[in-house]
Each structure stands twice: as structure tokens, then as C-alpha cells.
Amino acid sequence: MKTGKPESLTGGSGVHVFLVLWKASHAAQAYAEKSISELEMCGSDFAVLEALLHKGPLPVNEIGKKVLLTSGSITVAVDRLETKGLVERRAHGTDRRARIVHLTRGGRKLITRIYADHAADMERLTSASLTRAERKTLIVLLKKIGYEAAGASERHEEERTA
């Protein structure tokens, strides 16, 4: 009589890979959220400021795509940050309809400081469990899964709407 886990949940099956990835993702997300909450800022505000720090000024809809927020959520986050004096909306140079979000001097100073603290937390997590070579390999493998999943989702959507 066979005991233990069903075969589909062991040995590197697709379901097993997904479950391990999902659980690891949730645990890492909780760790990252704790790191950010200790910075006295909500995750969406941190994500917006971090995107502007590393990508430069962006239209609101582009920020939303980068930080995976809906259009309504990103607008609320930018409004909140603007009220705090951390970002400002400026007119686009050539498109009168578009507004570009910029970090203010105070916003840049704040996100530079708190991003360094968060980056140190993330470094502690990954360096405690993975070598530099393992991290590089993990990034390559996760990107392969991500690109395949995104492509399959697009193909499925195209088939569904055709």
C-alpha cells in the first residue's frame, strides 16, 4: 500500500513547482512587507517612490504597470504622495493631456534613505539562504517561468477572443 504525498506533489512535477514557488513567494512577500512597514510607509507608496527613484519621472499609468497597481489604486497613491510633498505632477513636454510624476527633493531624499534600509533587509534574506551564483540561477529560472506564463496567458486570451 502506497503512503505519503500523491506523486503530482513531489519530484518536480508542474504542480509541485507551482506550490513551492507560491509558498516561497508568499513568505518572501510577507518578509518584504514587514521590512516596508517598519519604514512607516504603505507598500503602494513605497513602490511608487521606488519606481520613480530607479526609472525617473513617469506618467501615472506607466507607474501603475511597473508596480502592478490598478489605475484607481495608482491615482490614489500618487495623490497621497503629492499631498505629503513627496511627488509632483508636471505637464508633459509635448503632450498637453499627459502629466508626468516626478520625485520632489524631499521625496528623493526619503526614498533614497528608506530604499537603502529595505535593500539591506532583502540582502540579508537572500544571502542567508543562497550564494550569489544560486541567486543568478534562480533569477534566470524564475524569468523563464514568468515569460512562459505571460506568453501562455496572452495566447489563451487571443484564442478566447478570436
Protein backbone atom coordinates (compact mmCIF):
# COMPACT_ATOMS: atom_id res chain seq x y z
CA MET A 1 0.00 0.00 0.00
CA LYS A 2 1.36 3.38 -1.04
CA THR A 3 1.64 6.12 1.58
CA GLY A 4 2.84 9.70 1.50
CA LYS A 5 2.07 12.53 -0.87
CA PRO A 6 0.49 11.97 -4.26
CA GLU A 7 3.10 11.73 -7.00
CA SER A 8 1.96 15.02 -8.57
CA LEU A 9 3.04 16.88 -5.40
CA THR A 10 6.60 15.54 -5.36
CA GLY A 11 9.54 15.04 -7.64
CA GLY A 12 9.45 18.31 -9.54
CA SER A 13 6.05 17.95 -11.20
CA GLY A 14 4.46 21.12 -12.52
CA VAL A 15 2.07 21.24 -9.56
CA HIS A 16 4.94 20.72 -7.10
CA VAL A 17 7.00 23.50 -8.70
CA PHE A 18 4.00 25.82 -8.56
CA LEU A 19 3.25 25.05 -4.89
CA VAL A 20 6.86 25.58 -3.82
CA LEU A 21 7.08 28.81 -5.85
CA TRP A 22 3.74 30.02 -4.45
CA LYS A 23 4.66 29.30 -0.82
CA ALA A 24 8.12 30.83 -1.21
CA SER A 25 6.61 33.88 -2.89
CA HIS A 26 4.12 34.39 -0.06
CA ALA A 27 6.81 34.01 2.60
CA ALA A 28 9.15 36.43 0.78
CA GLN A 29 6.27 38.87 0.25
CA ALA A 30 5.45 38.81 3.98
CA TYR A 31 9.13 39.43 4.78
CA ALA A 32 9.26 42.35 2.32
CA GLU A 33 6.00 43.81 3.67
CA LYS A 34 7.39 43.66 7.22
CA SER A 35 10.53 45.43 6.03
CA ILE A 36 8.47 48.17 4.38
CA SER A 37 6.04 48.52 7.29
CA GLU A 38 8.99 49.17 9.59
CA LEU A 39 9.76 52.14 7.31
CA GLU A 40 6.40 53.66 8.32
CA MET A 41 5.04 53.65 4.79
CA CYS A 42 2.45 51.52 3.00
CA GLY A 43 3.61 49.19 0.27
CA SER A 44 1.98 51.04 -2.62
CA ASP A 45 3.55 54.37 -1.62
CA PHE A 46 6.94 52.70 -1.27
CA ALA A 47 6.53 51.03 -4.68
CA VAL A 48 5.65 54.32 -6.40
CA LEU A 49 8.59 56.17 -4.85
CA GLU A 50 10.96 53.29 -5.62
CA ALA A 51 9.85 53.19 -9.27
CA LEU A 52 10.42 56.92 -9.63
CA LEU A 53 13.82 56.64 -7.95
CA HIS A 54 15.03 53.92 -10.30
CA LYS A 55 13.11 54.72 -13.52
CA GLY A 56 12.93 58.51 -13.32
CA PRO A 57 9.81 60.62 -13.93
CA LEU A 58 6.91 58.59 -15.35
CA PRO A 59 3.28 59.04 -16.40
CA VAL A 60 0.83 57.71 -13.79
CA ASN A 61 -0.28 54.78 -15.99
CA GLU A 62 3.35 53.67 -16.51
CA ILE A 63 3.98 53.70 -12.77
CA GLY A 64 0.91 51.51 -12.31
CA LYS A 65 2.25 48.96 -14.81
CA LYS A 66 5.65 48.89 -13.12
CA VAL A 67 4.32 48.40 -9.59
CA LEU A 68 1.31 46.22 -10.52
CA LEU A 69 -1.40 48.58 -9.25
CA THR A 70 -4.76 49.27 -10.89
CA SER A 71 -5.36 52.70 -12.38
CA GLY A 72 -7.56 53.69 -9.44
CA SER A 73 -5.06 52.50 -6.83
CA ILE A 74 -2.12 54.21 -8.51
CA THR A 75 -4.01 57.51 -8.75
CA VAL A 76 -4.87 57.34 -5.04
CA ALA A 77 -1.24 56.54 -4.15
CA VAL A 78 0.12 59.41 -6.28
CA ASP A 79 -2.48 61.78 -4.79
CA ARG A 80 -1.44 60.72 -1.27
CA LEU A 81 2.27 61.18 -2.05
CA GLU A 82 1.58 64.54 -3.69
CA THR A 83 -0.30 65.71 -0.58
CA LYS A 84 2.74 64.72 1.51
CA GLY A 85 5.00 66.74 -0.80
CA LEU A 86 6.95 63.68 -1.95
CA VAL A 87 5.95 63.78 -5.63
CA GLU A 88 4.57 66.34 -8.03
CA ARG A 89 2.74 66.10 -11.31
CA ARG A 90 4.14 68.21 -14.14
CA ALA A 91 2.95 68.82 -17.66
CA HIS A 92 4.39 66.57 -20.36
CA GLY A 93 6.78 68.40 -22.68
CA THR A 94 4.92 67.59 -25.90
CA ASP A 95 1.55 66.11 -24.88
CA ARG A 96 -0.71 68.65 -23.17
CA ARG A 97 -3.04 65.86 -21.98
CA ALA A 98 -0.34 63.93 -20.14
CA ARG A 99 1.01 64.56 -16.66
CA ILE A 100 4.37 63.20 -15.55
CA VAL A 101 5.06 62.30 -11.92
CA HIS A 102 8.39 63.49 -10.50
CA LEU A 103 10.01 62.99 -7.13
CA THR A 104 10.36 66.21 -5.16
CA ARG A 105 13.64 66.94 -3.41
CA GLY A 106 12.09 65.69 -0.15
CA GLY A 107 10.68 62.62 -1.87
CA ARG A 108 14.07 61.73 -3.36
CA LYS A 109 15.78 62.18 0.00
CA LEU A 110 13.21 60.00 1.78
CA ILE A 111 13.10 57.14 -0.75
CA THR A 112 16.89 57.07 -1.09
CA ARG A 113 17.21 56.57 2.67
CA ILE A 114 14.41 54.07 3.16
CA TYR A 115 15.22 52.12 0.00
CA ALA A 116 18.72 51.52 1.37
CA ASP A 117 17.20 50.06 4.56
CA HIS A 118 14.81 47.86 2.58
CA ALA A 119 17.57 46.71 0.21
CA ALA A 120 19.67 45.71 3.23
CA ASP A 121 16.75 43.63 4.55
CA MET A 122 16.33 41.89 1.19
CA GLU A 123 20.09 41.26 1.02
CA ARG A 124 20.01 39.66 4.47
CA LEU A 125 17.20 37.35 3.38
CA THR A 126 18.77 36.20 0.14
CA SER A 127 22.37 35.98 1.31
CA ALA A 128 21.34 33.88 4.32
CA SER A 129 19.83 31.25 2.06
CA LEU A 130 21.53 31.48 -1.36
CA THR A 131 25.00 32.01 -2.76
CA ARG A 132 25.49 34.73 -5.39
CA ALA A 133 25.64 32.06 -8.11
CA GLU A 134 22.42 30.45 -6.85
CA ARG A 135 20.68 33.84 -6.88
CA LYS A 136 21.71 34.41 -10.51
CA THR A 137 20.46 30.95 -11.47
CA LEU A 138 17.19 31.49 -9.60
CA ILE A 139 16.61 34.79 -11.42
CA VAL A 140 17.14 33.13 -14.80
CA LEU A 141 14.80 30.26 -13.92
CA LEU A 142 12.06 32.48 -12.50
CA LYS A 143 12.19 34.68 -15.59
CA LYS A 144 11.78 31.59 -17.78
CA ILE A 145 8.66 30.59 -15.85
CA GLY A 146 7.34 34.15 -15.86
CA TYR A 147 7.83 34.69 -19.58
CA GLU A 148 6.26 31.33 -20.39
CA ALA A 149 3.27 32.03 -18.14
CA ALA A 150 2.79 35.51 -19.63
CA GLY A 151 3.02 34.18 -23.18
CA ALA A 152 0.62 31.34 -22.46
CA SER A 153 -1.85 33.78 -20.86
CA GLU A 154 -1.68 36.04 -23.92
CA ARG A 155 -2.18 33.10 -26.28
CA HIS A 156 -5.14 31.88 -24.23
CA GLU A 157 -6.71 35.36 -24.25
CA GLU A 158 -6.21 35.66 -28.02
CA GLU A 159 -7.84 32.27 -28.57
CA ARG A 160 -10.72 33.18 -26.28
CA THR A 161 -11.47 36.46 -28.06
CA ALA A 162 -10.96 35.12 -31.61
